[in-house]
Each structure stands twice: as structure tokens, then as C-alpha cells.
N, C-alpha and C. Protein backbone atom coordinates (compact mmCIF):
# COMPACT_ATOMS: atom_id res chain seq x y z
N MET A 1 134.09 59.65 36.01
CA MET A 1 134.05 60.65 37.07
C MET A 1 134.19 59.92 38.40
N SER A 2 135.20 60.29 39.14
CA SER A 2 135.46 59.62 40.40
C SER A 2 136.15 60.58 41.36
N ILE A 3 136.35 60.11 42.58
CA ILE A 3 137.09 60.87 43.59
C ILE A 3 138.20 59.98 44.12
N SER A 4 139.18 60.60 44.73
CA SER A 4 140.29 59.85 45.32
C SER A 4 139.98 59.49 46.76
N GLN A 5 140.31 58.26 47.08
CA GLN A 5 140.19 57.76 48.44
C GLN A 5 141.59 57.40 48.90
N ILE A 6 141.94 57.75 50.10
CA ILE A 6 143.24 57.44 50.67
C ILE A 6 143.03 56.37 51.73
N GLY A 7 143.71 55.24 51.58
CA GLY A 7 143.65 54.18 52.57
C GLY A 7 144.95 54.11 53.33
N VAL A 8 144.85 53.97 54.63
CA VAL A 8 146.04 53.90 55.46
C VAL A 8 145.88 52.76 56.46
N PHE A 9 146.97 52.02 56.66
CA PHE A 9 146.97 50.95 57.64
C PHE A 9 147.51 51.51 58.94
N VAL A 10 146.77 51.31 60.02
CA VAL A 10 147.19 51.81 61.32
C VAL A 10 147.11 50.68 62.34
N GLU A 11 147.98 50.75 63.34
CA GLU A 11 147.91 49.77 64.41
C GLU A 11 146.58 49.94 65.13
N ASN A 12 146.02 48.83 65.54
CA ASN A 12 144.72 48.84 66.20
C ASN A 12 144.91 49.10 67.70
N HIS A 13 145.36 50.33 67.99
CA HIS A 13 145.60 50.76 69.36
C HIS A 13 145.06 52.18 69.52
N PRO A 14 144.62 52.53 70.72
CA PRO A 14 144.10 53.89 70.94
C PRO A 14 145.12 54.95 70.55
N GLY A 15 144.65 55.97 69.89
CA GLY A 15 145.47 57.12 69.57
C GLY A 15 146.07 57.15 68.18
N HIS A 16 146.14 56.02 67.50
CA HIS A 16 146.77 56.02 66.18
C HIS A 16 145.97 56.83 65.16
N VAL A 17 144.67 56.67 65.13
CA VAL A 17 143.85 57.44 64.20
C VAL A 17 143.86 58.91 64.59
N ALA A 18 143.84 59.19 65.87
CA ALA A 18 143.89 60.58 66.34
C ALA A 18 145.16 61.27 65.85
N ARG A 19 146.29 60.56 65.86
CA ARG A 19 147.54 61.15 65.38
C ARG A 19 147.45 61.49 63.88
N VAL A 20 146.84 60.59 63.13
CA VAL A 20 146.65 60.86 61.69
C VAL A 20 145.78 62.09 61.51
N LEU A 21 144.67 62.14 62.23
CA LEU A 21 143.76 63.28 62.10
C LEU A 21 144.42 64.58 62.56
N ASP A 22 145.21 64.52 63.62
CA ASP A 22 145.92 65.72 64.07
C ASP A 22 146.90 66.21 63.01
N ALA A 23 147.56 65.28 62.34
CA ALA A 23 148.49 65.66 61.26
C ALA A 23 147.72 66.29 60.11
N PHE A 24 146.53 65.80 59.81
CA PHE A 24 145.71 66.42 58.78
C PHE A 24 145.32 67.84 59.19
N VAL A 25 144.95 68.02 60.44
CA VAL A 25 144.58 69.36 60.93
C VAL A 25 145.76 70.31 60.76
N GLU A 26 146.93 69.87 61.18
CA GLU A 26 148.13 70.71 61.07
C GLU A 26 148.43 71.08 59.62
N ALA A 27 148.19 70.14 58.70
CA ALA A 27 148.44 70.38 57.27
C ALA A 27 147.25 71.03 56.57
N GLU A 28 146.19 71.31 57.30
CA GLU A 28 144.97 71.90 56.76
C GLU A 28 144.34 71.03 55.68
N VAL A 29 144.31 69.73 55.94
CA VAL A 29 143.61 68.77 55.09
C VAL A 29 142.24 68.52 55.72
N GLN A 30 141.19 68.77 54.96
CA GLN A 30 139.83 68.61 55.46
C GLN A 30 139.30 67.23 55.13
N VAL A 31 138.88 66.48 56.13
CA VAL A 31 138.29 65.15 55.93
C VAL A 31 136.83 65.34 55.54
N ARG A 32 136.45 64.78 54.41
CA ARG A 32 135.07 64.86 53.91
C ARG A 32 134.29 63.59 54.23
N GLY A 33 134.99 62.52 54.49
CA GLY A 33 134.36 61.27 54.86
C GLY A 33 135.43 60.26 55.23
N TYR A 34 135.03 59.25 55.97
CA TYR A 34 135.99 58.22 56.34
C TYR A 34 135.25 56.96 56.79
N CYS A 35 135.96 55.87 56.77
CA CYS A 35 135.46 54.64 57.40
C CYS A 35 136.65 53.89 57.95
N MET A 36 136.42 53.17 59.02
CA MET A 36 137.47 52.37 59.64
C MET A 36 136.99 50.93 59.70
N SER A 37 137.91 50.01 59.46
CA SER A 37 137.57 48.60 59.62
C SER A 37 138.71 47.91 60.34
N ASP A 38 138.34 46.96 61.14
CA ASP A 38 139.27 46.22 61.97
C ASP A 38 139.71 44.95 61.26
N THR A 39 141.02 44.72 61.23
CA THR A 39 141.53 43.48 60.65
C THR A 39 142.41 42.74 61.66
N GLY A 40 142.18 42.96 62.92
CA GLY A 40 142.99 42.31 63.95
C GLY A 40 143.94 43.30 64.58
N ASP A 41 145.25 43.06 64.40
CA ASP A 41 146.26 43.94 64.99
C ASP A 41 146.34 45.28 64.28
N TYR A 42 145.87 45.32 63.05
CA TYR A 42 145.88 46.56 62.27
C TYR A 42 144.48 46.88 61.80
N GLY A 43 144.26 48.14 61.55
CA GLY A 43 143.00 48.57 60.98
C GLY A 43 143.26 49.28 59.68
N ILE A 44 142.23 49.37 58.86
CA ILE A 44 142.30 50.12 57.62
C ILE A 44 141.37 51.32 57.79
N VAL A 45 141.91 52.49 57.56
CA VAL A 45 141.10 53.70 57.59
C VAL A 45 141.11 54.27 56.19
N ARG A 46 139.92 54.49 55.65
CA ARG A 46 139.78 55.08 54.33
C ARG A 46 139.29 56.51 54.51
N PHE A 47 139.97 57.43 53.85
CA PHE A 47 139.62 58.85 53.94
C PHE A 47 139.28 59.40 52.57
N VAL A 48 138.29 60.26 52.53
CA VAL A 48 138.04 61.13 51.40
C VAL A 48 138.31 62.53 51.93
N VAL A 49 139.24 63.22 51.28
CA VAL A 49 139.67 64.53 51.76
C VAL A 49 139.62 65.56 50.64
N ASP A 50 139.74 66.81 51.01
CA ASP A 50 139.69 67.87 50.01
C ASP A 50 140.96 67.95 49.18
N ASN A 51 142.08 67.47 49.71
CA ASN A 51 143.35 67.55 49.00
C ASN A 51 144.08 66.21 49.13
N PRO A 52 143.75 65.24 48.26
CA PRO A 52 144.34 63.90 48.38
C PRO A 52 145.86 63.88 48.29
N GLU A 53 146.45 64.69 47.44
CA GLU A 53 147.91 64.68 47.30
C GLU A 53 148.59 65.14 48.58
N LYS A 54 148.06 66.18 49.18
CA LYS A 54 148.63 66.67 50.44
C LYS A 54 148.45 65.62 51.54
N ALA A 55 147.29 64.98 51.57
CA ALA A 55 147.03 63.94 52.58
C ALA A 55 148.01 62.78 52.43
N LYS A 56 148.25 62.36 51.18
CA LYS A 56 149.21 61.27 50.95
C LYS A 56 150.59 61.66 51.44
N GLN A 57 151.00 62.89 51.20
CA GLN A 57 152.31 63.35 51.64
C GLN A 57 152.40 63.38 53.16
N VAL A 58 151.34 63.87 53.80
CA VAL A 58 151.31 63.90 55.27
C VAL A 58 151.48 62.49 55.83
N LEU A 59 150.74 61.54 55.26
CA LEU A 59 150.81 60.16 55.74
C LEU A 59 152.17 59.52 55.45
N ALA A 60 152.72 59.80 54.28
CA ALA A 60 154.05 59.27 53.93
C ALA A 60 155.10 59.83 54.89
N ASP A 61 154.99 61.12 55.21
CA ASP A 61 155.93 61.74 56.15
C ASP A 61 155.83 61.11 57.54
N MET A 62 154.66 60.58 57.88
CA MET A 62 154.48 59.90 59.16
C MET A 62 154.95 58.46 59.12
N GLY A 63 155.34 58.00 57.94
CA GLY A 63 155.80 56.62 57.80
C GLY A 63 154.67 55.62 57.66
N CYS A 64 153.50 56.10 57.29
CA CYS A 64 152.33 55.22 57.14
C CYS A 64 152.32 54.56 55.76
N ALA A 65 151.78 53.36 55.71
CA ALA A 65 151.55 52.68 54.44
C ALA A 65 150.26 53.24 53.86
N VAL A 66 150.36 53.90 52.71
CA VAL A 66 149.23 54.61 52.11
C VAL A 66 148.90 53.99 50.75
N VAL A 67 147.59 53.84 50.49
CA VAL A 67 147.13 53.36 49.20
C VAL A 67 146.06 54.34 48.71
N ALA A 68 146.22 54.82 47.48
CA ALA A 68 145.22 55.70 46.88
C ALA A 68 144.40 54.88 45.89
N LYS A 69 143.11 55.16 45.84
CA LYS A 69 142.21 54.44 44.95
C LYS A 69 141.11 55.39 44.49
N GLU A 70 140.71 55.24 43.25
CA GLU A 70 139.58 56.00 42.74
C GLU A 70 138.28 55.26 43.09
N VAL A 71 137.31 56.00 43.59
CA VAL A 71 136.00 55.43 43.92
C VAL A 71 134.92 56.35 43.35
N LEU A 72 133.75 55.81 43.20
CA LEU A 72 132.61 56.61 42.77
C LEU A 72 132.09 57.42 43.95
N CYS A 73 131.57 58.59 43.65
CA CYS A 73 130.89 59.39 44.66
C CYS A 73 129.54 59.78 44.07
N LEU A 74 128.50 59.41 44.74
CA LEU A 74 127.14 59.68 44.27
C LEU A 74 126.45 60.64 45.23
N ARG A 75 125.64 61.49 44.69
CA ARG A 75 124.76 62.32 45.52
C ARG A 75 123.35 61.79 45.28
N LEU A 76 122.82 61.12 46.27
CA LEU A 76 121.49 60.52 46.16
C LEU A 76 120.42 61.49 46.64
N PRO A 77 119.25 61.44 46.03
CA PRO A 77 118.14 62.22 46.58
C PRO A 77 117.89 61.76 48.01
N ASP A 78 117.59 62.69 48.88
CA ASP A 78 117.39 62.39 50.30
C ASP A 78 115.96 61.90 50.53
N ARG A 79 115.71 60.64 50.12
CA ARG A 79 114.40 60.04 50.32
C ARG A 79 114.57 58.52 50.47
N PRO A 80 113.64 57.88 51.10
CA PRO A 80 113.74 56.44 51.34
C PRO A 80 113.87 55.63 50.05
N GLY A 81 114.73 54.62 50.11
CA GLY A 81 114.85 53.68 49.00
C GLY A 81 115.92 53.99 47.98
N GLU A 82 116.57 55.14 48.07
CA GLU A 82 117.55 55.52 47.06
C GLU A 82 118.79 54.63 47.08
N LEU A 83 119.30 54.33 48.26
CA LEU A 83 120.46 53.44 48.33
C LEU A 83 120.10 52.05 47.83
N ALA A 84 118.92 51.57 48.18
CA ALA A 84 118.46 50.25 47.71
C ALA A 84 118.36 50.26 46.18
N ARG A 85 117.89 51.35 45.60
CA ARG A 85 117.75 51.45 44.14
C ARG A 85 119.12 51.32 43.46
N ILE A 86 120.11 52.04 43.97
CA ILE A 86 121.44 52.00 43.36
C ILE A 86 122.08 50.62 43.52
N MET A 87 121.95 50.03 44.69
CA MET A 87 122.49 48.69 44.90
C MET A 87 121.79 47.69 43.98
N GLY A 88 120.52 47.90 43.72
CA GLY A 88 119.78 47.06 42.78
C GLY A 88 120.30 47.18 41.35
N VAL A 89 120.67 48.39 40.95
CA VAL A 89 121.26 48.61 39.61
C VAL A 89 122.52 47.77 39.47
N PHE A 90 123.39 47.85 40.47
CA PHE A 90 124.63 47.07 40.42
C PHE A 90 124.35 45.57 40.45
N ALA A 91 123.42 45.15 41.27
CA ALA A 91 123.09 43.72 41.38
C ALA A 91 122.60 43.17 40.04
N LYS A 92 121.73 43.91 39.36
CA LYS A 92 121.21 43.47 38.06
C LYS A 92 122.31 43.28 37.04
N LEU A 93 123.36 44.10 37.13
CA LEU A 93 124.47 44.04 36.18
C LEU A 93 125.63 43.19 36.70
N ASN A 94 125.42 42.51 37.82
CA ASN A 94 126.43 41.65 38.42
C ASN A 94 127.71 42.44 38.75
N ILE A 95 127.55 43.69 39.19
CA ILE A 95 128.67 44.52 39.64
C ILE A 95 128.71 44.40 41.16
N ASN A 96 129.81 43.86 41.66
CA ASN A 96 129.94 43.66 43.10
C ASN A 96 130.44 44.94 43.77
N VAL A 97 129.75 45.36 44.81
CA VAL A 97 130.19 46.50 45.61
C VAL A 97 131.11 45.95 46.69
N GLU A 98 132.37 46.33 46.65
CA GLU A 98 133.34 45.84 47.62
C GLU A 98 133.10 46.43 49.00
N TYR A 99 132.78 47.70 49.06
CA TYR A 99 132.42 48.39 50.30
C TYR A 99 131.84 49.73 49.91
N SER A 100 131.14 50.34 50.82
CA SER A 100 130.69 51.71 50.62
C SER A 100 130.55 52.36 51.99
N TYR A 101 130.53 53.66 51.99
CA TYR A 101 130.33 54.40 53.23
C TYR A 101 129.78 55.76 52.86
N SER A 102 129.13 56.37 53.81
CA SER A 102 128.53 57.67 53.51
C SER A 102 129.53 58.79 53.82
N LEU A 103 129.35 59.86 53.12
CA LEU A 103 130.16 61.05 53.31
C LEU A 103 129.27 62.12 53.92
N VAL A 104 129.63 63.35 53.75
CA VAL A 104 128.84 64.46 54.24
C VAL A 104 127.49 64.46 53.55
N SER A 105 126.41 64.67 54.28
CA SER A 105 125.07 64.76 53.73
C SER A 105 124.68 63.44 53.07
N THR A 106 124.21 63.49 51.84
CA THR A 106 123.81 62.27 51.14
C THR A 106 124.81 61.89 50.06
N TYR A 107 126.05 62.23 50.28
CA TYR A 107 127.12 61.83 49.37
C TYR A 107 127.65 60.49 49.87
N ILE A 108 127.85 59.55 48.96
CA ILE A 108 128.44 58.28 49.36
C ILE A 108 129.55 57.90 48.40
N ALA A 109 130.55 57.22 48.92
CA ALA A 109 131.65 56.70 48.11
C ALA A 109 131.45 55.20 47.99
N ILE A 110 131.60 54.68 46.79
CA ILE A 110 131.41 53.25 46.53
C ILE A 110 132.60 52.72 45.77
N SER A 111 133.17 51.64 46.26
CA SER A 111 134.29 51.01 45.58
C SER A 111 133.80 49.79 44.82
N VAL A 112 134.13 49.73 43.55
CA VAL A 112 133.82 48.58 42.70
C VAL A 112 135.06 48.25 41.88
N LYS A 113 135.18 47.02 41.43
CA LYS A 113 136.35 46.65 40.62
C LYS A 113 136.32 47.33 39.26
N ASP A 114 135.14 47.42 38.62
CA ASP A 114 135.04 47.99 37.28
C ASP A 114 134.36 49.36 37.38
N LEU A 115 135.17 50.37 37.62
CA LEU A 115 134.66 51.73 37.79
C LEU A 115 133.92 52.22 36.55
N ALA A 116 134.46 51.93 35.38
CA ALA A 116 133.85 52.38 34.12
C ALA A 116 132.46 51.77 33.93
N ALA A 117 132.32 50.47 34.20
CA ALA A 117 131.01 49.81 34.05
C ALA A 117 130.00 50.38 35.04
N ALA A 118 130.45 50.64 36.24
CA ALA A 118 129.55 51.21 37.24
C ALA A 118 129.12 52.61 36.85
N GLU A 119 130.05 53.41 36.37
CA GLU A 119 129.72 54.76 35.91
C GLU A 119 128.71 54.71 34.76
N GLU A 120 128.94 53.81 33.83
CA GLU A 120 128.04 53.67 32.68
C GLU A 120 126.64 53.28 33.15
N ALA A 121 126.57 52.36 34.10
CA ALA A 121 125.27 51.92 34.62
C ALA A 121 124.52 53.07 35.27
N LEU A 122 125.24 53.95 35.93
CA LEU A 122 124.60 55.04 36.66
C LEU A 122 124.17 56.20 35.76
N LYS A 123 124.68 56.24 34.54
CA LYS A 123 124.27 57.30 33.62
C LYS A 123 122.77 57.27 33.34
N LYS A 124 122.17 56.09 33.43
CA LYS A 124 120.74 55.92 33.14
C LYS A 124 119.88 56.15 34.38
N GLU A 125 120.51 56.43 35.50
CA GLU A 125 119.79 56.58 36.76
C GLU A 125 119.71 58.04 37.17
N THR A 126 118.74 58.35 38.01
CA THR A 126 118.63 59.70 38.53
C THR A 126 119.55 59.82 39.74
N VAL A 127 120.82 59.98 39.43
CA VAL A 127 121.84 60.14 40.46
C VAL A 127 122.92 61.03 39.87
N GLU A 128 123.53 61.82 40.70
CA GLU A 128 124.57 62.72 40.24
C GLU A 128 125.93 62.15 40.64
N LEU A 129 126.79 61.90 39.67
CA LEU A 129 128.16 61.49 39.97
C LEU A 129 128.98 62.75 40.26
N ILE A 130 129.83 62.65 41.24
CA ILE A 130 130.59 63.80 41.71
C ILE A 130 132.08 63.54 41.53
N ASP A 131 132.82 64.53 41.03
CA ASP A 131 134.27 64.39 40.98
C ASP A 131 134.89 65.14 42.17
N GLN A 132 136.20 65.07 42.30
CA GLN A 132 136.87 65.63 43.48
C GLN A 132 136.61 67.12 43.64
N ALA A 133 136.71 67.88 42.57
CA ALA A 133 136.51 69.32 42.65
C ALA A 133 135.07 69.65 43.05
N GLN A 134 134.12 68.93 42.46
CA GLN A 134 132.71 69.16 42.80
C GLN A 134 132.43 68.82 44.25
N LEU A 135 133.01 67.73 44.73
CA LEU A 135 132.80 67.33 46.12
C LEU A 135 133.27 68.43 47.06
N THR A 136 134.44 68.95 46.80
CA THR A 136 134.98 70.01 47.65
C THR A 136 134.09 71.24 47.59
N ALA A 137 133.69 71.65 46.39
CA ALA A 137 132.87 72.85 46.23
C ALA A 137 131.49 72.67 46.85
N LEU A 138 130.86 71.51 46.61
CA LEU A 138 129.52 71.28 47.14
C LEU A 138 129.52 71.18 48.65
N VAL A 139 130.51 70.52 49.20
CA VAL A 139 130.57 70.39 50.65
C VAL A 139 130.84 71.74 51.28
N ASP A 140 131.72 72.55 50.67
CA ASP A 140 131.97 73.89 51.18
C ASP A 140 130.68 74.71 51.17
N LEU A 141 129.92 74.59 50.09
CA LEU A 141 128.65 75.29 49.97
C LEU A 141 127.67 74.81 51.02
N ASP A 142 127.54 73.47 51.16
CA ASP A 142 126.63 72.91 52.17
C ASP A 142 127.02 73.35 53.57
N CYS A 143 128.32 73.31 53.88
CA CYS A 143 128.78 73.70 55.21
C CYS A 143 128.54 75.17 55.46
N GLY A 144 128.76 75.99 54.45
CA GLY A 144 128.51 77.43 54.59
C GLY A 144 127.05 77.72 54.85
N ASN A 145 126.16 77.02 54.14
CA ASN A 145 124.73 77.20 54.36
C ASN A 145 124.33 76.75 55.75
N ALA A 146 124.91 75.64 56.21
CA ALA A 146 124.57 75.13 57.54
C ALA A 146 125.03 76.11 58.62
N GLN A 147 126.21 76.70 58.42
CA GLN A 147 126.71 77.64 59.42
C GLN A 147 125.89 78.91 59.43
N GLU A 148 125.41 79.35 58.27
CA GLU A 148 124.62 80.57 58.20
C GLU A 148 123.27 80.40 58.90
N GLY A 149 122.76 79.16 58.91
CA GLY A 149 121.45 78.90 59.50
C GLY A 149 121.47 78.78 61.01
N ARG A 150 122.63 78.86 61.62
CA ARG A 150 122.73 78.73 63.09
C ARG A 150 122.18 79.91 63.80
């Protein structure tokens, strides 16, 4: 069980990420999470979106170098120590976390080389693995509840 992450290389200049996001808005692609990292003249932006195929097409149409990758998405209980617990599970099994970032609420995406081993390790833990459809549905539900409470 995994979700799709879209990675795009962008020039490290003001406005490049904004253009990507504007193109997503125009194509009605909803960003569920992202992270940016600087590599000098270029940056890497990783996106988790509601429609990865559409996002890849938008980026390809813009002439961007796009890489898709499957990553784990976990929903952790919202209490202290949960992220430390999961990182400890991976450490005990010598599974290296290449990077991670948080998504909406307590959803996080984690990239590891051996996705199957990481998934297997998490089956014994009190954590919910989320697939792409569930992420979209849960986030829509969470956002709807948040808007109703205003």
C-alpha cells in the first residue's frame, strides 16, 4: 500500500514553483503535501497530489523533468512520540529513511528503498497505511469537517 509522489526539478529562482502551482490550479490538481529541497542552481520539489497522472501531464506539458515514485503514507496517532516510534521500527530493522515530510494533518509520506520491507514492518505497529484513494477521501473528509466548523 503506497501513494504516488511526483518529483520535479525546478530552477532555484523566484517564481518557478509558483508557476508549477498555478498550472496545478488551472488543471484542478489538488496538492495534498509537498517538500522542497535546494541543490544549488536547481531545486527538487516533491508533491503528493489527488491526481498524480494529471499532475505528471501538466508538468510534462510545461517541459519539466518529472519523476514519479511510490512512497509510504502513514496516519499516525496525534500524540507525542509517534514519529520517534516509527523511526525506531525502521532503525531496528536497518531500514534507511531517505527523506520524509508531513502531509495534511498527521499524514506523512516516507521514502525508503525497500517499500515492501517497510510495509511489512509497519503491519505489526499501530499505524494506518494509506493508499492514494484513501488519502484523497480522508483529506476531503477532514477538509469538509474543518470547513463546517468555521
